[in-house]
Amino acid sequence: MGYGRDMRWLCGLLVLLVLAPPLLGNNYYLTVLTMCCLNAMIAVGLSLLVGHAGQISLGHAGFYGLAAYTTAALSTTLGVPVGLSMLAGVGVTSGVAALVGLPALKLKGHYLAMATLGFGVILSILFNETVAVTGGPSGFTGIPRLSLFGVEFTSDLSVYYFIIAILGLVVWLSFNILHSRVGRALRALHTSEKAAQAMGIDIARYKLFIFIVSAAFAGLAGVLYAHYLTFIAPASFGFLFSVQLIVMVVLGGMTSVPGSIVGAFFLTVLPEFLRAFESIEILLFGGILVLCMMYLPDGLAGGFHRLWRLLGRLVYVRHSGEDNG
């Protein structure tokens, strides 16, 4: 899509999200929609990393949790103002992503996937075992509500609108990256790293940059998650969630930012209708991933695009027939 069309799509998304709460009816659905927006932030970052740069990551649940626990510990245990603790959470996550990315991004394919998976598992163990800091399996309680510059967001609705604004910023930044020289370099290295290097593209620098950006988006979602629910537990940041995130991106369309958002919303809402199958949730997500790869290789975004083109052809043929008649 062109930049202008991307911006129109973003404006349409924000309008829909702003108008949605009165139609939902109760706070439960508002909470689900808020979680959709948080997951969409992470999915957008993964779309940049996986879909456009071609670098797989199974550790983004770890980045999400690291930011959440960082802001929780700073704001609750040390009494740091929420705004500063949130910045620290995103900053720590970005710094750790740089340290992890420097060696890990020298790997390719399933080796990179295994390296990021190992990182996520290590963080999951730390979240569970460092009870004095994280609260262990019982979770971290008493996290203060979201507040910035002396303004406290006392209602779930006010937090929701703030999260919409942050999601809009994340999507806007993503579109600007993709339509810049960086975006062109990412597409080149996704197509062929050797060819990109031959054209003078510093592939190591661009891969590390987009890895850090992707982790920062996950960290941003993590700090908002912590101060929205005021409680976090290690179970929310495990391997299953990393798999869910990948499925969101693949289902929506790996090279489509709007598609990744659609995938995030779909797979966040889906479990609410499948509570009876919670014990086999990982199998369901795996099945969705396999079916999508087989029948929708370019995701829901590609499927919608093909359907739209088909409808356009049918309308054109019908009008042509009427004119000839």
C-alpha atoms as a PDB file:
ATOM      1  CA  MET A   1       0.000   0.000   0.000  1.00  0.00           C
ATOM      2  CA  GLY A   2       1.081   3.585  -0.589  1.00  0.00           C
ATOM      3  CA  TYR A   3       1.783   5.919   2.311  1.00  0.00           C
ATOM      4  CA  GLY A   4      -1.430   7.897   1.804  1.00  0.00           C
ATOM      5  CA  ARG A   5      -3.531   4.734   1.815  1.00  0.00           C
ATOM      6  CA  ASP A   6      -1.722   3.536   4.942  1.00  0.00           C
ATOM      7  CA  MET A   7      -2.551   6.789   6.723  1.00  0.00           C
ATOM      8  CA  ARG A   8      -6.203   6.555   5.702  1.00  0.00           C
ATOM      9  CA  TRP A   9      -6.308   2.987   6.992  1.00  0.00           C
ATOM     10  CA  LEU A  10      -4.786   4.115  10.307  1.00  0.00           C
ATOM     11  CA  CYS A  11      -7.320   6.925  10.679  1.00  0.00           C
ATOM     12  CA  GLY A  12     -10.147   4.497   9.980  1.00  0.00           C
ATOM     13  CA  LEU A  13      -8.814   2.060  12.584  1.00  0.00           C
ATOM     14  CA  LEU A  14      -8.549   4.766  15.238  1.00  0.00           C
ATOM     15  CA  VAL A  15     -12.079   6.006  14.530  1.00  0.00           C
ATOM     16  CA  LEU A  16     -13.461   2.468  14.889  1.00  0.00           C
ATOM     17  CA  LEU A  17     -11.607   1.904  18.159  1.00  0.00           C
ATOM     18  CA  VAL A  18     -12.713   5.253  19.584  1.00  0.00           C
ATOM     19  CA  LEU A  19     -16.367   4.561  18.743  1.00  0.00           C
ATOM     20  CA  ALA A  20     -16.340   0.926  19.904  1.00  0.00           C
ATOM     21  CA  PRO A  21     -16.777   1.244  23.737  1.00  0.00           C
ATOM     22  CA  PRO A  22     -20.404   2.481  23.710  1.00  0.00           C
ATOM     23  CA  LEU A  23     -21.316  -0.540  21.572  1.00  0.00           C
ATOM     24  CA  LEU A  24     -19.673  -3.095  23.882  1.00  0.00           C
ATOM     25  CA  GLY A  25     -22.052  -2.803  26.790  1.00  0.00           C
ATOM     26  CA  ASN A  26     -19.846  -3.769  29.756  1.00  0.00           C
ATOM     27  CA  ASN A  27     -16.324  -3.596  31.164  1.00  0.00           C
ATOM     28  CA  TYR A  28     -15.516  -7.217  30.340  1.00  0.00           C
ATOM     29  CA  TYR A  29     -15.664  -6.552  26.595  1.00  0.00           C
ATOM     30  CA  LEU A  30     -13.728  -3.321  27.117  1.00  0.00           C
ATOM     31  CA  THR A  31     -10.968  -5.348  28.805  1.00  0.00           C
ATOM     32  CA  VAL A  32     -10.887  -7.792  25.883  1.00  0.00           C
ATOM     33  CA  LEU A  33     -10.657  -4.913  23.399  1.00  0.00           C
ATOM     34  CA  THR A  34      -7.855  -3.317  25.434  1.00  0.00           C
ATOM     35  CA  MET A  35      -5.927  -6.596  25.357  1.00  0.00           C
ATOM     36  CA  CYS A  36      -6.488  -6.712  21.589  1.00  0.00           C
ATOM     37  CA  CYS A  37      -4.785  -3.322  21.274  1.00  0.00           C
ATOM     38  CA  LEU A  38      -1.847  -4.374  23.478  1.00  0.00           C
ATOM     39  CA  ASN A  39      -1.325  -7.589  21.526  1.00  0.00           C
ATOM     40  CA  ALA A  40      -1.588  -5.628  18.276  1.00  0.00           C
ATOM     41  CA  MET A  41       1.380  -3.470  19.353  1.00  0.00           C
ATOM     42  CA  ILE A  42       3.552  -6.567  19.741  1.00  0.00           C
ATOM     43  CA  ALA A  43       2.243  -8.096  16.512  1.00  0.00           C
ATOM     44  CA  VAL A  44       3.091  -4.938  14.552  1.00  0.00           C
ATOM     45  CA  GLY A  45       6.682  -5.102  15.817  1.00  0.00           C
ATOM     46  CA  LEU A  46       6.894  -8.786  14.933  1.00  0.00           C
ATOM     47  CA  SER A  47       5.512  -8.023  11.474  1.00  0.00           C
ATOM     48  CA  LEU A  48       8.445  -5.667  10.896  1.00  0.00           C
ATOM     49  CA  LEU A  49      10.922  -8.244  12.169  1.00  0.00           C
ATOM     50  CA  VAL A  50       9.516 -11.473  10.717  1.00  0.00           C
ATOM     51  CA  GLY A  51       7.552 -10.330   7.693  1.00  0.00           C
ATOM     52  CA  HIS A  52       9.761  -7.544   6.378  1.00  0.00           C
ATOM     53  CA  ALA A  53      13.246  -8.367   7.694  1.00  0.00           C
ATOM     54  CA  GLY A  54      12.836 -12.150   7.599  1.00  0.00           C
ATOM     55  CA  GLN A  55      14.150 -12.681  11.154  1.00  0.00           C
ATOM     56  CA  ILE A  56      12.154 -15.122  13.282  1.00  0.00           C
ATOM     57  CA  SER A  57      11.749 -14.577  17.034  1.00  0.00           C
ATOM     58  CA  LEU A  58      10.160 -16.870  19.610  1.00  0.00           C
ATOM     59  CA  GLY A  59      11.226 -14.701  22.530  1.00  0.00           C
ATOM     60  CA  HIS A  60       8.965 -11.675  22.309  1.00  0.00           C
ATOM     61  CA  ALA A  61       6.815 -12.836  25.213  1.00  0.00           C
ATOM     62  CA  GLY A  62      10.014 -12.495  27.247  1.00  0.00           C
ATOM     63  CA  PHE A  63      10.509  -8.867  26.168  1.00  0.00           C
ATOM     64  CA  TYR A  64       6.855  -8.191  26.993  1.00  0.00           C
ATOM     65  CA  GLY A  65       7.306  -9.645  30.477  1.00  0.00           C
ATOM     66  CA  LEU A  66      10.691  -8.006  31.104  1.00  0.00           C
ATOM     67  CA  ALA A  67       9.233  -4.548  30.553  1.00  0.00           C
ATOM     68  CA  ALA A  68       6.186  -5.347  32.699  1.00  0.00           C
ATOM     69  CA  TYR A  69       8.274  -6.591  35.629  1.00  0.00           C
ATOM     70  CA  THR A  70      10.754  -3.712  35.328  1.00  0.00           C
ATOM     71  CA  THR A  71       8.107  -1.011  35.593  1.00  0.00           C
ATOM     72  CA  ALA A  72       6.265  -2.972  38.308  1.00  0.00           C
ATOM     73  CA  ALA A  73       9.382  -3.321  40.476  1.00  0.00           C
ATOM     74  CA  LEU A  74      10.471   0.288  40.034  1.00  0.00           C
ATOM     75  CA  SER A  75       7.066   1.877  40.638  1.00  0.00           C
ATOM     76  CA  THR A  76       5.933  -0.442  43.445  1.00  0.00           C
ATOM     77  CA  THR A  77       9.075  -1.455  45.331  1.00  0.00           C
ATOM     78  CA  LEU A  78      11.225   1.648  44.793  1.00  0.00           C
ATOM     79  CA  GLY A  79       8.470   4.245  44.477  1.00  0.00           C
ATOM     80  CA  VAL A  80       9.644   5.601  41.116  1.00  0.00           C
ATOM     81  CA  PRO A  81       6.977   7.725  39.359  1.00  0.00           C
ATOM     82  CA  VAL A  82       4.952   5.641  36.928  1.00  0.00           C
ATOM     83  CA  GLY A  83       5.958   7.648  33.860  1.00  0.00           C
ATOM     84  CA  LEU A  84       9.670   7.204  34.607  1.00  0.00           C
ATOM     85  CA  SER A  85       9.288   3.536  35.485  1.00  0.00           C
ATOM     86  CA  MET A  86       7.511   2.934  32.167  1.00  0.00           C
ATOM     87  CA  LEU A  87      10.315   4.649  30.261  1.00  0.00           C
ATOM     88  CA  ALA A  88      12.813   2.543  32.194  1.00  0.00           C
ATOM     89  CA  GLY A  89      10.875  -0.618  31.329  1.00  0.00           C
ATOM     90  CA  VAL A  90      11.003   0.130  27.605  1.00  0.00           C
ATOM     91  CA  GLY A  91      14.646   1.240  27.893  1.00  0.00           C
ATOM     92  CA  VAL A  92      15.751  -1.914  29.723  1.00  0.00           C
ATOM     93  CA  THR A  93      13.917  -4.070  27.190  1.00  0.00           C
ATOM     94  CA  SER A  94      15.568  -2.258  24.277  1.00  0.00           C
ATOM     95  CA  GLY A  95      19.000  -2.585  25.904  1.00  0.00           C
ATOM     96  CA  VAL A  96      18.565  -6.299  26.544  1.00  0.00           C
ATOM     97  CA  ALA A  97      17.337  -6.725  22.953  1.00  0.00           C
ATOM     98  CA  ALA A  98      20.551  -5.103  21.724  1.00  0.00           C
ATOM     99  CA  LEU A  99      22.680  -7.430  23.876  1.00  0.00           C
ATOM    100  CA  VAL A 100      20.736 -10.501  22.758  1.00  0.00           C
ATOM    101  CA  GLY A 101      20.516  -9.412  19.138  1.00  0.00           C
ATOM    102  CA  LEU A 102      24.233  -8.810  18.593  1.00  0.00           C
ATOM    103  CA  PRO A 103      25.158 -12.518  18.765  1.00  0.00           C
ATOM    104  CA  ALA A 104      21.746 -14.053  17.974  1.00  0.00           C
ATOM    105  CA  LEU A 105      21.180 -12.227  14.684  1.00  0.00           C
ATOM    106  CA  LYS A 106      24.316 -13.814  13.244  1.00  0.00           C
ATOM    107  CA  LEU A 107      22.220 -16.984  13.136  1.00  0.00           C
ATOM    108  CA  LYS A 108      19.589 -17.724  10.503  1.00  0.00           C
ATOM    109  CA  GLY A 109      16.337 -19.630  10.158  1.00  0.00           C
ATOM    110  CA  HIS A 110      15.522 -22.205  12.799  1.00  0.00           C
ATOM    111  CA  TYR A 111      18.848 -21.553  14.588  1.00  0.00           C
ATOM    112  CA  LEU A 112      17.742 -17.973  15.258  1.00  0.00           C
ATOM    113  CA  ALA A 113      14.311 -19.233  16.325  1.00  0.00           C
ATOM    114  CA  MET A 114      15.920 -21.621  18.829  1.00  0.00           C
ATOM    115  CA  ALA A 115      18.218 -18.891  20.178  1.00  0.00           C
ATOM    116  CA  THR A 116      15.330 -16.494  20.816  1.00  0.00           C
ATOM    117  CA  LEU A 117      13.265 -19.348  22.251  1.00  0.00           C
ATOM    118  CA  GLY A 118      16.087 -20.095  24.693  1.00  0.00           C
ATOM    119  CA  PHE A 119      16.184 -16.436  25.724  1.00  0.00           C
ATOM    120  CA  GLY A 120      12.437 -16.469  26.355  1.00  0.00           C
ATOM    121  CA  VAL A 121      12.693 -19.658  28.436  1.00  0.00           C
ATOM    122  CA  ILE A 122      15.501 -18.153  30.548  1.00  0.00           C
ATOM    123  CA  LEU A 123      13.391 -15.078  31.288  1.00  0.00           C
ATOM    124  CA  SER A 124      10.373 -17.241  32.111  1.00  0.00           C
ATOM    125  CA  ILE A 125      12.470 -19.167  34.650  1.00  0.00           C
ATOM    126  CA  LEU A 126      13.731 -15.908  36.167  1.00  0.00           C
ATOM    127  CA  PHE A 127      10.185 -14.559  36.484  1.00  0.00           C
ATOM    128  CA  ASN A 128       9.199 -17.728  38.352  1.00  0.00           C
ATOM    129  CA  GLU A 129      12.261 -18.205  40.542  1.00  0.00           C
ATOM    130  CA  THR A 130      13.231 -14.678  41.648  1.00  0.00           C
ATOM    131  CA  VAL A 131      10.380 -14.565  44.160  1.00  0.00           C
ATOM    132  CA  ALA A 132      11.826 -11.650  46.138  1.00  0.00           C
ATOM    133  CA  VAL A 133      11.667  -9.406  43.064  1.00  0.00           C
ATOM    134  CA  THR A 134       8.841 -10.773  40.913  1.00  0.00           C
ATOM    135  CA  GLY A 135       6.612 -12.511  43.440  1.00  0.00           C
ATOM    136  CA  GLY A 136       7.239 -15.834  41.704  1.00  0.00           C
ATOM    137  CA  PRO A 137       4.344 -17.962  40.413  1.00  0.00           C
ATOM    138  CA  SER A 138       1.912 -16.095  42.691  1.00  0.00           C
ATOM    139  CA  GLY A 139       2.507 -12.925  40.707  1.00  0.00           C
ATOM    140  CA  PHE A 140       3.320  -9.284  41.388  1.00  0.00           C
ATOM    141  CA  THR A 141       0.490  -7.382  43.064  1.00  0.00           C
ATOM    142  CA  GLY A 142      -0.159  -3.780  44.037  1.00  0.00           C
ATOM    143  CA  ILE A 143       1.147  -2.178  40.841  1.00  0.00           C
ATOM    144  CA  PRO A 144      -0.036   1.457  40.689  1.00  0.00           C
ATOM    145  CA  ARG A 145      -2.548   2.571  38.078  1.00  0.00           C
ATOM    146  CA  LEU A 146      -1.370   4.392  34.994  1.00  0.00           C
ATOM    147  CA  SER A 147      -0.524   8.037  35.668  1.00  0.00           C
ATOM    148  CA  LEU A 148       1.474  10.563  33.659  1.00  0.00           C
ATOM    149  CA  PHE A 149       2.518  14.131  34.479  1.00  0.00           C
ATOM    150  CA  GLY A 150       0.334  14.156  37.580  1.00  0.00           C
ATOM    151  CA  VAL A 151      -2.742  12.922  35.706  1.00  0.00           C
ATOM    152  CA  GLU A 152      -4.051   9.570  36.966  1.00  0.00           C
ATOM    153  CA  PHE A 153      -6.115   7.395  34.647  1.00  0.00           C
ATOM    154  CA  THR A 154      -8.706   6.275  37.179  1.00  0.00           C
ATOM    155  CA  SER A 155     -11.120   4.461  34.854  1.00  0.00           C
ATOM    156  CA  ASP A 156     -10.576   1.547  32.484  1.00  0.00           C
ATOM    157  CA  LEU A 157     -12.090   3.632  29.689  1.00  0.00           C
ATOM    158  CA  SER A 158      -9.503   6.404  30.090  1.00  0.00           C
ATOM    159  CA  VAL A 159      -6.679   3.828  30.023  1.00  0.00           C
ATOM    160  CA  TYR A 160      -8.226   2.274  26.910  1.00  0.00           C
ATOM    161  CA  TYR A 161      -8.215   5.583  25.047  1.00  0.00           C
ATOM    162  CA  PHE A 162      -4.607   6.208  26.067  1.00  0.00           C
ATOM    163  CA  ILE A 163      -3.630   2.747  24.792  1.00  0.00           C
ATOM    164  CA  ILE A 164      -5.412   3.496  21.493  1.00  0.00           C
ATOM    165  CA  ALA A 165      -3.275   6.625  21.137  1.00  0.00           C
ATOM    166  CA  ILE A 166      -0.091   4.624  21.772  1.00  0.00           C
ATOM    167  CA  LEU A 167      -1.180   1.942  19.283  1.00  0.00           C
ATOM    168  CA  GLY A 168      -1.778   4.679  16.714  1.00  0.00           C
ATOM    169  CA  LEU A 169       1.735   6.019  17.353  1.00  0.00           C
ATOM    170  CA  VAL A 170       3.248   2.530  16.984  1.00  0.00           C
ATOM    171  CA  VAL A 171       1.437   1.930  13.678  1.00  0.00           C
ATOM    172  CA  TRP A 172       2.388   5.394  12.398  1.00  0.00           C
ATOM    173  CA  LEU A 173       6.062   4.785  13.243  1.00  0.00           C
ATOM    174  CA  SER A 174       5.899   1.387  11.531  1.00  0.00           C
ATOM    175  CA  PHE A 175       4.452   2.847   8.334  1.00  0.00           C
ATOM    176  CA  ASN A 176       7.140   5.538   8.315  1.00  0.00           C
ATOM    177  CA  ILE A 177       9.879   2.938   8.773  1.00  0.00           C
ATOM    178  CA  LEU A 178       8.516   0.802   5.931  1.00  0.00           C
ATOM    179  CA  HIS A 179       8.249   3.761   3.548  1.00  0.00           C
ATOM    180  CA  SER A 180      11.783   4.967   4.339  1.00  0.00           C
ATOM    181  CA  ARG A 181      15.243   3.839   3.240  1.00  0.00           C
ATOM    182  CA  VAL A 182      15.230   1.468   6.221  1.00  0.00           C
ATOM    183  CA  GLY A 183      12.110  -0.279   4.921  1.00  0.00           C
ATOM    184  CA  ARG A 184      13.659  -0.741   1.487  1.00  0.00           C
ATOM    185  CA  ALA A 185      16.805  -2.170   3.081  1.00  0.00           C
ATOM    186  CA  LEU A 186      14.736  -4.592   5.174  1.00  0.00           C
ATOM    187  CA  ARG A 187      12.874  -5.864   2.126  1.00  0.00           C
ATOM    188  CA  ALA A 188      16.166  -6.303   0.286  1.00  0.00           C
ATOM    189  CA  LEU A 189      17.763  -8.373   3.047  1.00  0.00           C
ATOM    190  CA  HIS A 190      14.583 -10.437   3.387  1.00  0.00           C
ATOM    191  CA  THR A 191      14.766 -11.284  -0.314  1.00  0.00           C
ATOM    192  CA  SER A 192      18.497 -12.098  -0.250  1.00  0.00           C
ATOM    193  CA  GLU A 193      21.047 -11.137   2.389  1.00  0.00           C
ATOM    194  CA  LYS A 194      23.917 -11.740  -0.027  1.00  0.00           C
ATOM    195  CA  ALA A 195      22.369  -9.520  -2.692  1.00  0.00           C
ATOM    196  CA  ALA A 196      21.620  -6.819  -0.110  1.00  0.00           C
ATOM    197  CA  GLN A 197      25.208  -6.933   1.125  1.00  0.00           C
ATOM    198  CA  ALA A 198      26.480  -6.714  -2.456  1.00  0.00           C
ATOM    199  CA  MET A 199      24.434  -3.506  -2.871  1.00  0.00           C
ATOM    200  CA  GLY A 200      26.276  -1.989   0.088  1.00  0.00           C
ATOM    201  CA  ILE A 201      23.548  -2.478   2.712  1.00  0.00           C
ATOM    202  CA  ASP A 202      24.893  -2.966   6.235  1.00  0.00           C
ATOM    203  CA  ILE A 203      22.696  -5.986   6.971  1.00  0.00           C
ATOM    204  CA  ALA A 204      23.952  -6.476  10.552  1.00  0.00           C
ATOM    205  CA  ARG A 205      23.063  -2.902  11.491  1.00  0.00           C
ATOM    206  CA  TYR A 206      19.588  -3.013   9.936  1.00  0.00           C
ATOM    207  CA  LYS A 207      18.787  -6.419  11.446  1.00  0.00           C
ATOM    208  CA  LEU A 208      19.824  -5.228  14.905  1.00  0.00           C
ATOM    209  CA  PHE A 209      17.896  -1.965  14.497  1.00  0.00           C
ATOM    210  CA  ILE A 210      14.618  -3.658  13.593  1.00  0.00           C
ATOM    211  CA  PHE A 211      15.116  -6.281  16.322  1.00  0.00           C
ATOM    212  CA  ILE A 212      15.446  -3.508  18.910  1.00  0.00           C
ATOM    213  CA  VAL A 213      12.430  -1.616  17.506  1.00  0.00           C
ATOM    214  CA  SER A 214      10.346  -4.787  17.583  1.00  0.00           C
ATOM    215  CA  ALA A 215      11.390  -5.511  21.185  1.00  0.00           C
ATOM    216  CA  ALA A 216      10.679  -1.897  22.171  1.00  0.00           C
ATOM    217  CA  PHE A 217       7.113  -2.204  20.847  1.00  0.00           C
ATOM    218  CA  ALA A 218       6.705  -5.372  22.933  1.00  0.00           C
ATOM    219  CA  GLY A 219       8.149  -3.519  25.926  1.00  0.00           C
ATOM    220  CA  LEU A 220       5.750  -0.631  25.415  1.00  0.00           C
ATOM    221  CA  ALA A 221       2.838  -3.065  25.456  1.00  0.00           C
ATOM    222  CA  GLY A 222       4.309  -4.711  28.560  1.00  0.00           C
ATOM    223  CA  VAL A 223       4.496  -1.556  30.675  1.00  0.00           C
ATOM    224  CA  LEU A 224       0.951  -0.576  29.682  1.00  0.00           C
ATOM    225  CA  TYR A 225      -0.263  -4.089  30.500  1.00  0.00           C
ATOM    226  CA  ALA A 226       1.279  -3.941  33.989  1.00  0.00           C
ATOM    227  CA  HIS A 227      -0.275  -0.602  34.912  1.00  0.00           C
ATOM    228  CA  TYR A 228      -3.611  -1.480  33.326  1.00  0.00           C
ATOM    229  CA  LEU A 229      -4.217  -4.745  35.212  1.00  0.00           C
ATOM    230  CA  THR A 230      -2.103  -3.751  38.288  1.00  0.00           C
ATOM    231  CA  PHE A 231      -1.154  -7.440  38.571  1.00  0.00           C
ATOM    232  CA  ILE A 232       1.210  -9.601  36.526  1.00  0.00           C
ATOM    233  CA  ALA A 233       2.231 -13.270  36.719  1.00  0.00           C
ATOM    234  CA  PRO A 234       4.834 -15.388  34.851  1.00  0.00           C
ATOM    235  CA  ALA A 235       2.132 -17.476  33.159  1.00  0.00           C
ATOM    236  CA  SER A 236       1.264 -14.476  30.964  1.00  0.00           C
ATOM    237  CA  PHE A 237       4.760 -14.342  29.450  1.00  0.00           C
ATOM    238  CA  GLY A 238       5.524 -17.972  28.637  1.00  0.00           C
ATOM    239  CA  PHE A 239       6.267 -19.938  25.479  1.00  0.00           C
ATOM    240  CA  LEU A 240       2.577 -20.304  24.588  1.00  0.00           C
ATOM    241  CA  PHE A 241       2.204 -16.545  24.273  1.00  0.00           C
ATOM    242  CA  SER A 242       5.267 -16.344  21.997  1.00  0.00           C
ATOM    243  CA  VAL A 243       3.613 -18.942  19.757  1.00  0.00           C
ATOM    244  CA  GLN A 244       0.355 -16.977  19.815  1.00  0.00           C
ATOM    245  CA  LEU A 245       2.194 -13.846  18.697  1.00  0.00           C
ATOM    246  CA  ILE A 246       3.775 -15.616  15.732  1.00  0.00           C
ATOM    247  CA  VAL A 247       0.397 -17.088  14.757  1.00  0.00           C
ATOM    248  CA  MET A 248      -1.149 -13.598  14.934  1.00  0.00           C
ATOM    249  CA  VAL A 249       1.380 -12.287  12.424  1.00  0.00           C
ATOM    250  CA  VAL A 250       1.168 -15.297  10.092  1.00  0.00           C
ATOM    251  CA  LEU A 251      -2.631 -15.372  10.225  1.00  0.00           C
ATOM    252  CA  GLY A 252      -2.959 -11.671   9.494  1.00  0.00           C
ATOM    253  CA  GLY A 253      -0.272 -11.591   6.808  1.00  0.00           C
ATOM    254  CA  MET A 254       3.429 -11.421   7.608  1.00  0.00           C
ATOM    255  CA  THR A 255       4.190  -8.506   5.286  1.00  0.00           C
ATOM    256  CA  SER A 256       1.107  -6.502   6.233  1.00  0.00           C
ATOM    257  CA  VAL A 257       0.970  -4.201   9.258  1.00  0.00           C
ATOM    258  CA  PRO A 258      -2.846  -3.928   9.011  1.00  0.00           C
ATOM    259  CA  GLY A 259      -2.991  -7.710   8.619  1.00  0.00           C
ATOM    260  CA  SER A 260      -0.958  -8.275  11.786  1.00  0.00           C
ATOM    261  CA  ILE A 261      -3.405  -6.059  13.687  1.00  0.00           C
ATOM    262  CA  VAL A 262      -6.364  -8.033  12.319  1.00  0.00           C
ATOM    263  CA  GLY A 263      -4.599 -11.278  13.300  1.00  0.00           C
ATOM    264  CA  ALA A 264      -3.934  -9.944  16.802  1.00  0.00           C
ATOM    265  CA  PHE A 265      -7.565  -8.947  17.305  1.00  0.00           C
ATOM    266  CA  PHE A 266      -8.845 -12.261  15.945  1.00  0.00           C
ATOM    267  CA  LEU A 267      -6.608 -14.477  18.087  1.00  0.00           C
ATOM    268  CA  THR A 268      -7.166 -12.380  21.217  1.00  0.00           C
ATOM    269  CA  VAL A 269     -10.940 -12.663  20.895  1.00  0.00           C
ATOM    270  CA  LEU A 270     -10.968 -16.324  19.773  1.00  0.00           C
ATOM    271  CA  PRO A 271     -10.024 -17.867  23.182  1.00  0.00           C
ATOM    272  CA  GLU A 272     -12.983 -16.078  24.748  1.00  0.00           C
ATOM    273  CA  PHE A 273     -15.224 -18.316  22.620  1.00  0.00           C
ATOM    274  CA  LEU A 274     -13.149 -21.459  23.201  1.00  0.00           C
ATOM    275  CA  ARG A 275     -13.012 -21.609  26.998  1.00  0.00           C
ATOM    276  CA  ALA A 276     -14.136 -25.257  26.890  1.00  0.00           C
ATOM    277  CA  PHE A 277     -10.983 -26.144  24.903  1.00  0.00           C
ATOM    278  CA  GLU A 278      -8.486 -24.258  27.068  1.00  0.00           C
ATOM    279  CA  SER A 279      -6.498 -27.439  27.833  1.00  0.00           C
ATOM    280  CA  ILE A 280      -5.654 -27.927  24.135  1.00  0.00           C
ATOM    281  CA  GLU A 281      -5.147 -24.254  23.309  1.00  0.00           C
ATOM    282  CA  ILE A 282      -1.608 -24.805  21.994  1.00  0.00           C
ATOM    283  CA  LEU A 283      -2.930 -27.462  19.580  1.00  0.00           C
ATOM    284  CA  LEU A 284      -5.606 -25.093  18.317  1.00  0.00           C
ATOM    285  CA  PHE A 285      -3.076 -22.342  17.636  1.00  0.00           C
ATOM    286  CA  GLY A 286      -0.774 -24.840  15.941  1.00  0.00           C
ATOM    287  CA  GLY A 287      -3.644 -26.054  13.774  1.00  0.00           C
ATOM    288  CA  ILE A 288      -4.576 -22.502  12.799  1.00  0.00           C
ATOM    289  CA  LEU A 289      -0.937 -21.842  11.860  1.00  0.00           C
ATOM    290  CA  VAL A 290      -0.732 -24.961   9.666  1.00  0.00           C
ATOM    291  CA  LEU A 291      -4.058 -24.272   7.923  1.00  0.00           C
ATOM    292  CA  CYS A 292      -3.091 -20.666   7.315  1.00  0.00           C
ATOM    293  CA  MET A 293       0.251 -21.649   5.783  1.00  0.00           C
ATOM    294  CA  MET A 294      -1.527 -24.171   3.529  1.00  0.00           C
ATOM    295  CA  TYR A 295      -4.552 -22.190   2.363  1.00  0.00           C
ATOM    296  CA  LEU A 296      -3.756 -18.530   3.156  1.00  0.00           C
ATOM    297  CA  PRO A 297       0.018 -18.177   2.666  1.00  0.00           C
ATOM    298  CA  ASP A 298      -0.277 -14.381   2.606  1.00  0.00           C
ATOM    299  CA  GLY A 299      -2.702 -14.323   5.544  1.00  0.00           C
ATOM    300  CA  LEU A 300      -6.102 -12.764   6.030  1.00  0.00           C
ATOM    301  CA  ALA A 301      -4.873  -9.504   4.512  1.00  0.00           C
ATOM    302  CA  GLY A 302      -3.980 -11.289   1.276  1.00  0.00           C
ATOM    303  CA  GLY A 303      -7.238 -13.238   1.348  1.00  0.00           C
ATOM    304  CA  PHE A 304      -9.287 -10.057   1.767  1.00  0.00           C
ATOM    305  CA  HIS A 305      -7.307  -8.411  -1.040  1.00  0.00           C
ATOM    306  CA  ARG A 306      -7.967 -11.313  -3.431  1.00  0.00           C
ATOM    307  CA  LEU A 307     -11.657 -11.355  -2.468  1.00  0.00           C
ATOM    308  CA  TRP A 308     -11.916  -7.609  -3.085  1.00  0.00           C
ATOM    309  CA  ARG A 309     -10.276  -7.965  -6.508  1.00  0.00           C
ATOM    310  CA  LEU A 310     -12.604 -10.861  -7.360  1.00  0.00           C
ATOM    311  CA  LEU A 311     -15.668  -8.814  -6.416  1.00  0.00           C
ATOM    312  CA  GLY A 312     -14.316  -5.944  -8.498  1.00  0.00           C
ATOM    313  CA  ARG A 313     -13.946  -8.223 -11.524  1.00  0.00           C
ATOM    314  CA  LEU A 314     -17.475  -9.593 -11.060  1.00  0.00           C
ATOM    315  CA  VAL A 315     -18.927  -6.079 -10.891  1.00  0.00           C
ATOM    316  CA  TYR A 316     -16.920  -5.071 -13.973  1.00  0.00           C
ATOM    317  CA  VAL A 317     -18.082  -8.139 -15.936  1.00  0.00           C
ATOM    318  CA  ARG A 318     -21.691  -7.527 -14.923  1.00  0.00           C
ATOM    319  CA  HIS A 319     -21.615  -3.880 -16.000  1.00  0.00           C
ATOM    320  CA  SER A 320     -19.855  -4.807 -19.242  1.00  0.00           C
ATOM    321  CA  GLY A 321     -22.582  -7.367 -19.972  1.00  0.00           C
ATOM    322  CA  GLU A 322     -25.320  -4.821 -19.310  1.00  0.00           C
ATOM    323  CA  ASP A 323     -23.631  -2.262 -21.583  1.00  0.00           C
ATOM    324  CA  ASN A 324     -23.305  -4.816 -24.388  1.00  0.00           C
ATOM    325  CA  GLY A 325     -26.925  -5.856 -23.914  1.00  0.00           C
END
